Amino acid sequence: MRKKETRITFEHHEMIRVKRGKKSITRWCEKCRERVQMIPAEEAAILKGQSLRWLIRRLEAEELHFIEDPDCRLFICLNALLKQ
């Protein structure tokens, strides 16, 4: 008697689209060595489903790239964020 085997395969594709609005900026990222989209720290945390503390830890570990604008607002490199 043969056992019947059923295989189920799932493919998961994810696309993240960040609208370029007033909150995001395009700037030169020294680490990526190219112009990239930068998003505010709060939005970066939300995009990753994490807390701001998680984000700060990644910054301290130099796992994320960032810039600060003249108003001391923190912007995160979207390229580096999506690699996390």
PDB file of N, CA and C in Angstrom:
ATOM      1  N   MET A   1       0.828  -1.162   0.000  1.00  0.00           N
ATOM      2  CA  MET A   1       0.000   0.000   0.000  1.00  0.00           C
ATOM      3  C   MET A   1       0.890   1.250   0.000  1.00  0.00           C
ATOM      4  N   ARG A   2       0.632   2.166  -0.895  1.00  0.00           N
ATOM      5  CA  ARG A   2       1.414   3.385  -1.018  1.00  0.00           C
ATOM      6  C   ARG A   2       0.804   4.509  -0.185  1.00  0.00           C
ATOM      7  N   LYS A   3       1.692   5.290   0.420  1.00  0.00           N
ATOM      8  CA  LYS A   3       1.228   6.482   1.126  1.00  0.00           C
ATOM      9  C   LYS A   3       1.198   7.636   0.140  1.00  0.00           C
ATOM     10  N   LYS A   4       0.152   8.400   0.217  1.00  0.00           N
ATOM     11  CA  LYS A   4       0.017   9.555  -0.656  1.00  0.00           C
ATOM     12  C   LYS A   4       0.687  10.758   0.003  1.00  0.00           C
ATOM     13  N   GLU A   5       1.533  11.442  -0.747  1.00  0.00           N
ATOM     14  CA  GLU A   5       2.250  12.592  -0.212  1.00  0.00           C
ATOM     15  C   GLU A   5       1.784  13.860  -0.924  1.00  0.00           C
ATOM     16  N   THR A   6       1.498  14.866  -0.139  1.00  0.00           N
ATOM     17  CA  THR A   6       1.095  16.152  -0.690  1.00  0.00           C
ATOM     18  C   THR A   6       2.111  17.196  -0.253  1.00  0.00           C
ATOM     19  N   ARG A   7       2.624  17.946  -1.203  1.00  0.00           N
ATOM     20  CA  ARG A   7       3.572  19.012  -0.887  1.00  0.00           C
ATOM     21  C   ARG A   7       2.922  20.349  -1.194  1.00  0.00           C
ATOM     22  N   ILE A   8       3.059  21.235  -0.259  1.00  0.00           N
ATOM     23  CA  ILE A   8       2.534  22.586  -0.438  1.00  0.00           C
ATOM     24  C   ILE A   8       3.718  23.549  -0.343  1.00  0.00           C
ATOM     25  N   THR A   9       3.859  24.369  -1.345  1.00  0.00           N
ATOM     26  CA  THR A   9       4.952  25.332  -1.386  1.00  0.00           C
ATOM     27  C   THR A   9       4.374  26.736  -1.401  1.00  0.00           C
ATOM     28  N   PHE A  10       4.927  27.590  -0.558  1.00  0.00           N
ATOM     29  CA  PHE A  10       4.499  28.979  -0.494  1.00  0.00           C
ATOM     30  C   PHE A  10       5.628  29.870  -0.968  1.00  0.00           C
ATOM     31  N   GLU A  11       5.294  30.849  -1.750  1.00  0.00           N
ATOM     32  CA  GLU A  11       6.246  31.882  -2.121  1.00  0.00           C
ATOM     33  C   GLU A  11       5.741  33.185  -1.551  1.00  0.00           C
ATOM     34  N   HIS A  12       6.648  33.933  -1.006  1.00  0.00           N
ATOM     35  CA  HIS A  12       6.258  35.204  -0.398  1.00  0.00           C
ATOM     36  C   HIS A  12       7.091  36.311  -1.030  1.00  0.00           C
ATOM     37  N   HIS A  13       6.419  37.249  -1.648  1.00  0.00           N
ATOM     38  CA  HIS A  13       7.085  38.413  -2.221  1.00  0.00           C
ATOM     39  C   HIS A  13       6.570  39.640  -1.496  1.00  0.00           C
ATOM     40  N   GLU A  14       7.489  40.500  -1.144  1.00  0.00           N
ATOM     41  CA  GLU A  14       7.099  41.696  -0.404  1.00  0.00           C
ATOM     42  C   GLU A  14       7.664  42.914  -1.114  1.00  0.00           C
ATOM     43  N   MET A  15       6.819  43.907  -1.275  1.00  0.00           N
ATOM     44  CA  MET A  15       7.265  45.150  -1.859  1.00  0.00           C
ATOM     45  C   MET A  15       6.875  46.268  -0.901  1.00  0.00           C
ATOM     46  N   ILE A  16       7.837  47.099  -0.598  1.00  0.00           N
ATOM     47  CA  ILE A  16       7.579  48.217   0.284  1.00  0.00           C
ATOM     48  C   ILE A  16       7.667  49.481  -0.549  1.00  0.00           C
ATOM     49  N   ARG A  17       6.636  50.253  -0.469  1.00  0.00           N
ATOM     50  CA  ARG A  17       6.606  51.501  -1.219  1.00  0.00           C
ATOM     51  C   ARG A  17       6.503  52.651  -0.229  1.00  0.00           C
ATOM     52  N   VAL A  18       7.473  53.498  -0.277  1.00  0.00           N
ATOM     53  CA  VAL A  18       7.468  54.668   0.588  1.00  0.00           C
ATOM     54  C   VAL A  18       7.217  55.865  -0.299  1.00  0.00           C
ATOM     55  N   LYS A  19       6.130  56.531  -0.044  1.00  0.00           N
ATOM     56  CA  LYS A  19       5.797  57.704  -0.846  1.00  0.00           C
ATOM     57  C   LYS A  19       6.746  58.835  -0.501  1.00  0.00           C
ATOM     58  N   ARG A  20       7.193  59.484  -1.524  1.00  0.00           N
ATOM     59  CA  ARG A  20       8.077  60.618  -1.322  1.00  0.00           C
ATOM     60  C   ARG A  20       7.216  61.842  -1.050  1.00  0.00           C
ATOM     61  N   GLY A  21       7.082  62.151   0.168  1.00  0.00           N
ATOM     62  CA  GLY A  21       6.275  63.295   0.550  1.00  0.00           C
ATOM     63  C   GLY A  21       7.129  64.335   1.237  1.00  0.00           C
ATOM     64  N   LYS A  22       6.502  65.125   2.027  1.00  0.00           N
ATOM     65  CA  LYS A  22       7.215  66.176   2.738  1.00  0.00           C
ATOM     66  C   LYS A  22       8.127  65.605   3.814  1.00  0.00           C
ATOM     67  N   LYS A  23       7.841  64.396   4.249  1.00  0.00           N
ATOM     68  CA  LYS A  23       8.604  63.831   5.357  1.00  0.00           C
ATOM     69  C   LYS A  23       9.897  63.168   4.908  1.00  0.00           C
ATOM     70  N   SER A  24       9.925  62.577   3.723  1.00  0.00           N
ATOM     71  CA  SER A  24      11.149  61.922   3.273  1.00  0.00           C
ATOM     72  C   SER A  24      11.998  62.909   2.476  1.00  0.00           C
ATOM     73  N   ILE A  25      13.295  62.659   2.471  1.00  0.00           N
ATOM     74  CA  ILE A  25      14.218  63.515   1.741  1.00  0.00           C
ATOM     75  C   ILE A  25      15.191  62.631   0.966  1.00  0.00           C
ATOM     76  N   THR A  26      15.777  63.177  -0.052  1.00  0.00           N
ATOM     77  CA  THR A  26      16.819  62.468  -0.795  1.00  0.00           C
ATOM     78  C   THR A  26      18.128  63.176  -0.504  1.00  0.00           C
ATOM     79  N   ARG A  27      19.079  62.411   0.011  1.00  0.00           N
ATOM     80  CA  ARG A  27      20.381  62.972   0.373  1.00  0.00           C
ATOM     81  C   ARG A  27      21.480  61.963   0.054  1.00  0.00           C
ATOM     82  N   TRP A  28      22.701  62.432   0.108  1.00  0.00           N
ATOM     83  CA  TRP A  28      23.866  61.584  -0.089  1.00  0.00           C
ATOM     84  C   TRP A  28      24.115  60.783   1.184  1.00  0.00           C
ATOM     85  N   CYS A  29      24.235  59.470   1.048  1.00  0.00           N
ATOM     86  CA  CYS A  29      24.573  58.601   2.184  1.00  0.00           C
ATOM     87  C   CYS A  29      26.046  58.234   2.054  1.00  0.00           C
ATOM     88  N   GLU A  30      26.827  58.646   3.033  1.00  0.00           N
ATOM     89  CA  GLU A  30      28.266  58.375   3.013  1.00  0.00           C
ATOM     90  C   GLU A  30      28.572  56.877   3.003  1.00  0.00           C
ATOM     91  N   LYS A  31      27.777  56.103   3.733  1.00  0.00           N
ATOM     92  CA  LYS A  31      28.029  54.660   3.838  1.00  0.00           C
ATOM     93  C   LYS A  31      27.651  53.923   2.545  1.00  0.00           C
ATOM     94  N   CYS A  32      26.517  54.304   1.955  1.00  0.00           N
ATOM     95  CA  CYS A  32      26.072  53.673   0.698  1.00  0.00           C
ATOM     96  C   CYS A  32      26.824  54.239  -0.510  1.00  0.00           C
ATOM     97  N   ARG A  33      27.362  55.433  -0.332  1.00  0.00           N
ATOM     98  CA  ARG A  33      28.072  56.144  -1.389  1.00  0.00           C
ATOM     99  C   ARG A  33      27.189  56.429  -2.597  1.00  0.00           C
ATOM    100  N   GLU A  34      25.957  56.856  -2.298  1.00  0.00           N
ATOM    101  CA  GLU A  34      25.014  57.244  -3.345  1.00  0.00           C
ATOM    102  C   GLU A  34      23.896  58.084  -2.745  1.00  0.00           C
ATOM    103  N   ARG A  35      23.135  58.737  -3.623  1.00  0.00           N
ATOM    104  CA  ARG A  35      21.960  59.484  -3.166  1.00  0.00           C
ATOM    105  C   ARG A  35      20.862  58.474  -2.870  1.00  0.00           C
ATOM    106  N   VAL A  36      20.269  58.592  -1.703  1.00  0.00           N
ATOM    107  CA  VAL A  36      19.248  57.644  -1.263  1.00  0.00           C
ATOM    108  C   VAL A  36      18.082  58.381  -0.638  1.00  0.00           C
ATOM    109  N   GLN A  37      16.988  57.674  -0.502  1.00  0.00           N
ATOM    110  CA  GLN A  37      15.845  58.231   0.201  1.00  0.00           C
ATOM    111  C   GLN A  37      16.074  58.042   1.692  1.00  0.00           C
ATOM    112  N   MET A  38      15.855  59.094   2.440  1.00  0.00           N
ATOM    113  CA  MET A  38      15.977  59.075   3.892  1.00  0.00           C
ATOM    114  C   MET A  38      14.604  59.364   4.474  1.00  0.00           C
ATOM    115  N   ILE A  39      14.242  58.600   5.501  1.00  0.00           N
ATOM    116  CA  ILE A  39      12.934  58.793   6.125  1.00  0.00           C
ATOM    117  C   ILE A  39      13.122  59.114   7.611  1.00  0.00           C
ATOM    118  N   PRO A  40      12.174  59.837   8.185  1.00  0.00           N
ATOM    119  CA  PRO A  40      12.281  60.172   9.612  1.00  0.00           C
ATOM    120  C   PRO A  40      12.378  58.914  10.479  1.00  0.00           C
ATOM    121  N   ALA A  41      13.088  59.033  11.581  1.00  0.00           N
ATOM    122  CA  ALA A  41      13.309  57.902  12.479  1.00  0.00           C
ATOM    123  C   ALA A  41      12.001  57.243  12.922  1.00  0.00           C
ATOM    124  N   GLU A  42      10.999  58.046  13.237  1.00  0.00           N
ATOM    125  CA  GLU A  42       9.724  57.495  13.698  1.00  0.00           C
ATOM    126  C   GLU A  42       9.089  56.619  12.611  1.00  0.00           C
ATOM    127  N   GLU A  43       9.146  57.082  11.373  1.00  0.00           N
ATOM    128  CA  GLU A  43       8.588  56.300  10.269  1.00  0.00           C
ATOM    129  C   GLU A  43       9.404  55.034  10.016  1.00  0.00           C
ATOM    130  N   ALA A  44      10.715  55.132  10.191  1.00  0.00           N
ATOM    131  CA  ALA A  44      11.579  53.962  10.005  1.00  0.00           C
ATOM    132  C   ALA A  44      11.215  52.864  11.007  1.00  0.00           C
ATOM    133  N   ALA A  45      10.989  53.249  12.252  1.00  0.00           N
ATOM    134  CA  ALA A  45      10.608  52.274  13.280  1.00  0.00           C
ATOM    135  C   ALA A  45       9.266  51.631  12.939  1.00  0.00           C
ATOM    136  N   ILE A  46       8.319  52.446  12.502  1.00  0.00           N
ATOM    137  CA  ILE A  46       6.998  51.920  12.135  1.00  0.00           C
ATOM    138  C   ILE A  46       7.118  50.968  10.944  1.00  0.00           C
ATOM    139  N   LEU A  47       7.905  51.362   9.955  1.00  0.00           N
ATOM    140  CA  LEU A  47       8.088  50.531   8.762  1.00  0.00           C
ATOM    141  C   LEU A  47       8.621  49.149   9.121  1.00  0.00           C
ATOM    142  N   LYS A  48       9.520  49.084  10.102  1.00  0.00           N
ATOM    143  CA  LYS A  48      10.094  47.808  10.526  1.00  0.00           C
ATOM    144  C   LYS A  48       9.252  47.106  11.590  1.00  0.00           C
ATOM    145  N   GLY A  49       8.205  47.776  12.077  1.00  0.00           N
ATOM    146  CA  GLY A  49       7.379  47.179  13.125  1.00  0.00           C
ATOM    147  C   GLY A  49       8.125  47.077  14.437  1.00  0.00           C
ATOM    148  N   GLN A  50       8.990  48.039  14.686  1.00  0.00           N
ATOM    149  CA  GLN A  50       9.832  48.024  15.879  1.00  0.00           C
ATOM    150  C   GLN A  50       9.663  49.333  16.652  1.00  0.00           C
ATOM    151  N   SER A  51      10.290  49.372  17.800  1.00  0.00           N
ATOM    152  CA  SER A  51      10.236  50.571  18.631  1.00  0.00           C
ATOM    153  C   SER A  51      11.371  51.525  18.248  1.00  0.00           C
ATOM    154  N   LEU A  52      11.257  52.757  18.710  1.00  0.00           N
ATOM    155  CA  LEU A  52      12.346  53.706  18.502  1.00  0.00           C
ATOM    156  C   LEU A  52      13.621  53.241  19.206  1.00  0.00           C
ATOM    157  N   ARG A  53      13.448  52.583  20.339  1.00  0.00           N
ATOM    158  CA  ARG A  53      14.617  52.061  21.069  1.00  0.00           C
ATOM    159  C   ARG A  53      15.373  51.035  20.221  1.00  0.00           C
ATOM    160  N   TRP A  54      14.638  50.161  19.528  1.00  0.00           N
ATOM    161  CA  TRP A  54      15.261  49.192  18.620  1.00  0.00           C
ATOM    162  C   TRP A  54      16.076  49.944  17.560  1.00  0.00           C
ATOM    163  N   LEU A  55      15.484  50.985  17.022  1.00  0.00           N
ATOM    164  CA  LEU A  55      16.138  51.771  15.985  1.00  0.00           C
ATOM    165  C   LEU A  55      17.421  52.413  16.512  1.00  0.00           C
ATOM    166  N   ILE A  56      17.348  52.986  17.694  1.00  0.00           N
ATOM    167  CA  ILE A  56      18.526  53.613  18.304  1.00  0.00           C
ATOM    168  C   ILE A  56      19.631  52.583  18.535  1.00  0.00           C
ATOM    169  N   ARG A  57      19.259  51.400  18.956  1.00  0.00           N
ATOM    170  CA  ARG A  57      20.262  50.329  19.145  1.00  0.00           C
ATOM    171  C   ARG A  57      20.951  49.986  17.837  1.00  0.00           C
ATOM    172  N   ARG A  58      20.205  49.946  16.739  1.00  0.00           N
ATOM    173  CA  ARG A  58      20.790  49.665  15.421  1.00  0.00           C
ATOM    174  C   ARG A  58      21.739  50.786  15.004  1.00  0.00           C
ATOM    175  N   LEU A  59      21.363  52.021  15.341  1.00  0.00           N
ATOM    176  CA  LEU A  59      22.231  53.162  15.032  1.00  0.00           C
ATOM    177  C   LEU A  59      23.523  53.093  15.837  1.00  0.00           C
ATOM    178  N   GLU A  60      23.395  52.782  17.122  1.00  0.00           N
ATOM    179  CA  GLU A  60      24.571  52.683  17.992  1.00  0.00           C
ATOM    180  C   GLU A  60      25.504  51.554  17.549  1.00  0.00           C
ATOM    181  N   ALA A  61      24.937  50.485  17.012  1.00  0.00           N
ATOM    182  CA  ALA A  61      25.732  49.358  16.526  1.00  0.00           C
ATOM    183  C   ALA A  61      26.257  49.607  15.102  1.00  0.00           C
ATOM    184  N   GLU A  62      25.954  50.788  14.569  1.00  0.00           N
ATOM    185  CA  GLU A  62      26.356  51.186  13.220  1.00  0.00           C
ATOM    186  C   GLU A  62      25.821  50.249  12.148  1.00  0.00           C
ATOM    187  N   GLU A  63      24.626  49.716  12.382  1.00  0.00           N
ATOM    188  CA  GLU A  63      23.971  48.848  11.415  1.00  0.00           C
ATOM    189  C   GLU A  63      23.061  49.635  10.476  1.00  0.00           C
ATOM    190  N   LEU A  64      22.775  50.875  10.852  1.00  0.00           N
ATOM    191  CA  LEU A  64      21.950  51.756  10.026  1.00  0.00           C
ATOM    192  C   LEU A  64      22.722  53.027   9.731  1.00  0.00           C
ATOM    193  N   HIS A  65      22.384  53.636   8.618  1.00  0.00           N
ATOM    194  CA  HIS A  65      22.998  54.899   8.226  1.00  0.00           C
ATOM    195  C   HIS A  65      21.999  56.015   8.515  1.00  0.00           C
ATOM    196  N   PHE A  66      22.490  57.178   8.858  1.00  0.00           N
ATOM    197  CA  PHE A  66      21.576  58.266   9.202  1.00  0.00           C
ATOM    198  C   PHE A  66      22.223  59.611   8.965  1.00  0.00           C
ATOM    199  N   ILE A  67      21.384  60.621   8.944  1.00  0.00           N
ATOM    200  CA  ILE A  67      21.831  62.008   8.938  1.00  0.00           C
ATOM    201  C   ILE A  67      20.934  62.778   9.897  1.00  0.00           C
ATOM    202  N   GLU A  68      21.410  63.909  10.335  1.00  0.00           N
ATOM    203  CA  GLU A  68      20.598  64.826  11.122  1.00  0.00           C
ATOM    204  C   GLU A  68      20.493  66.118  10.333  1.00  0.00           C
ATOM    205  N   ASP A  69      19.300  66.667  10.265  1.00  0.00           N
ATOM    206  CA  ASP A  69      19.134  67.931   9.558  1.00  0.00           C
ATOM    207  C   ASP A  69      19.462  69.089  10.507  1.00  0.00           C
ATOM    208  N   PRO A  70      19.472  70.319  10.024  1.00  0.00           N
ATOM    209  CA  PRO A  70      19.817  71.460  10.889  1.00  0.00           C
ATOM    210  C   PRO A  70      18.885  71.628  12.091  1.00  0.00           C
ATOM    211  N   ASP A  71      17.670  71.079  12.011  1.00  0.00           N
ATOM    212  CA  ASP A  71      16.730  71.160  13.136  1.00  0.00           C
ATOM    213  C   ASP A  71      16.873  69.979  14.088  1.00  0.00           C
ATOM    214  N   CYS A  72      17.960  69.208  13.940  1.00  0.00           N
ATOM    215  CA  CYS A  72      18.259  68.034  14.783  1.00  0.00           C
ATOM    216  C   CYS A  72      17.257  66.895  14.605  1.00  0.00           C
ATOM    217  N   ARG A  73      16.585  66.853  13.468  1.00  0.00           N
ATOM    218  CA  ARG A  73      15.706  65.715  13.176  1.00  0.00           C
ATOM    219  C   ARG A  73      16.555  64.603  12.572  1.00  0.00           C
ATOM    220  N   LEU A  74      16.265  63.384  12.968  1.00  0.00           N
ATOM    221  CA  LEU A  74      17.029  62.221  12.548  1.00  0.00           C
ATOM    222  C   LEU A  74      16.364  61.562  11.351  1.00  0.00           C
ATOM    223  N   PHE A  75      17.132  61.331  10.283  1.00  0.00           N
ATOM    224  CA  PHE A  75      16.643  60.655   9.087  1.00  0.00           C
ATOM    225  C   PHE A  75      17.472  59.399   8.851  1.00  0.00           C
ATOM    226  N   ILE A  76      16.771  58.307   8.525  1.00  0.00           N
ATOM    227  CA  ILE A  76      17.395  56.999   8.357  1.00  0.00           C
ATOM    228  C   ILE A  76      17.467  56.642   6.876  1.00  0.00           C
ATOM    229  N   CYS A  77      18.609  56.092   6.459  1.00  0.00           N
ATOM    230  CA  CYS A  77      18.810  55.650   5.079  1.00  0.00           C
ATOM    231  C   CYS A  77      17.879  54.453   4.805  1.00  0.00           C
ATOM    232  N   LEU A  78      17.010  54.605   3.830  1.00  0.00           N
ATOM    233  CA  LEU A  78      16.050  53.553   3.524  1.00  0.00           C
ATOM    234  C   LEU A  78      16.730  52.286   3.019  1.00  0.00           C
ATOM    235  N   ASN A  79      17.812  52.430   2.255  1.00  0.00           N
ATOM    236  CA  ASN A  79      18.547  51.246   1.765  1.00  0.00           C
ATOM    237  C   ASN A  79      19.042  50.401   2.937  1.00  0.00           C
ATOM    238  N   ALA A  80      19.677  51.025   3.886  1.00  0.00           N
ATOM    239  CA  ALA A  80      20.215  50.294   5.037  1.00  0.00           C
ATOM    240  C   ALA A  80      19.098  49.705   5.886  1.00  0.00           C
ATOM    241  N   LEU A  81      18.020  50.448   6.023  1.00  0.00           N
ATOM    242  CA  LEU A  81      16.887  49.971   6.825  1.00  0.00           C
ATOM    243  C   LEU A  81      16.283  48.705   6.231  1.00  0.00           C
ATOM    244  N   LEU A  82      16.124  48.677   4.924  1.00  0.00           N
ATOM    245  CA  LEU A  82      15.497  47.516   4.280  1.00  0.00           C
ATOM    246  C   LEU A  82      16.387  46.276   4.324  1.00  0.00           C
ATOM    247  N   LYS A  83      17.684  46.458   4.565  1.00  0.00           N
ATOM    248  CA  LYS A  83      18.606  45.314   4.696  1.00  0.00           C
ATOM    249  C   LYS A  83      18.538  44.684   6.084  1.00  0.00           C
ATOM    250  N   GLN A  84      17.932  45.380   7.047  1.00  0.00           N
ATOM    251  CA  GLN A  84      17.834  44.876   8.431  1.00  0.00           C
ATOM    252  C   GLN A  84      16.785  43.804   8.552  1.00  0.00           C
TER     253      GLN A  84
END
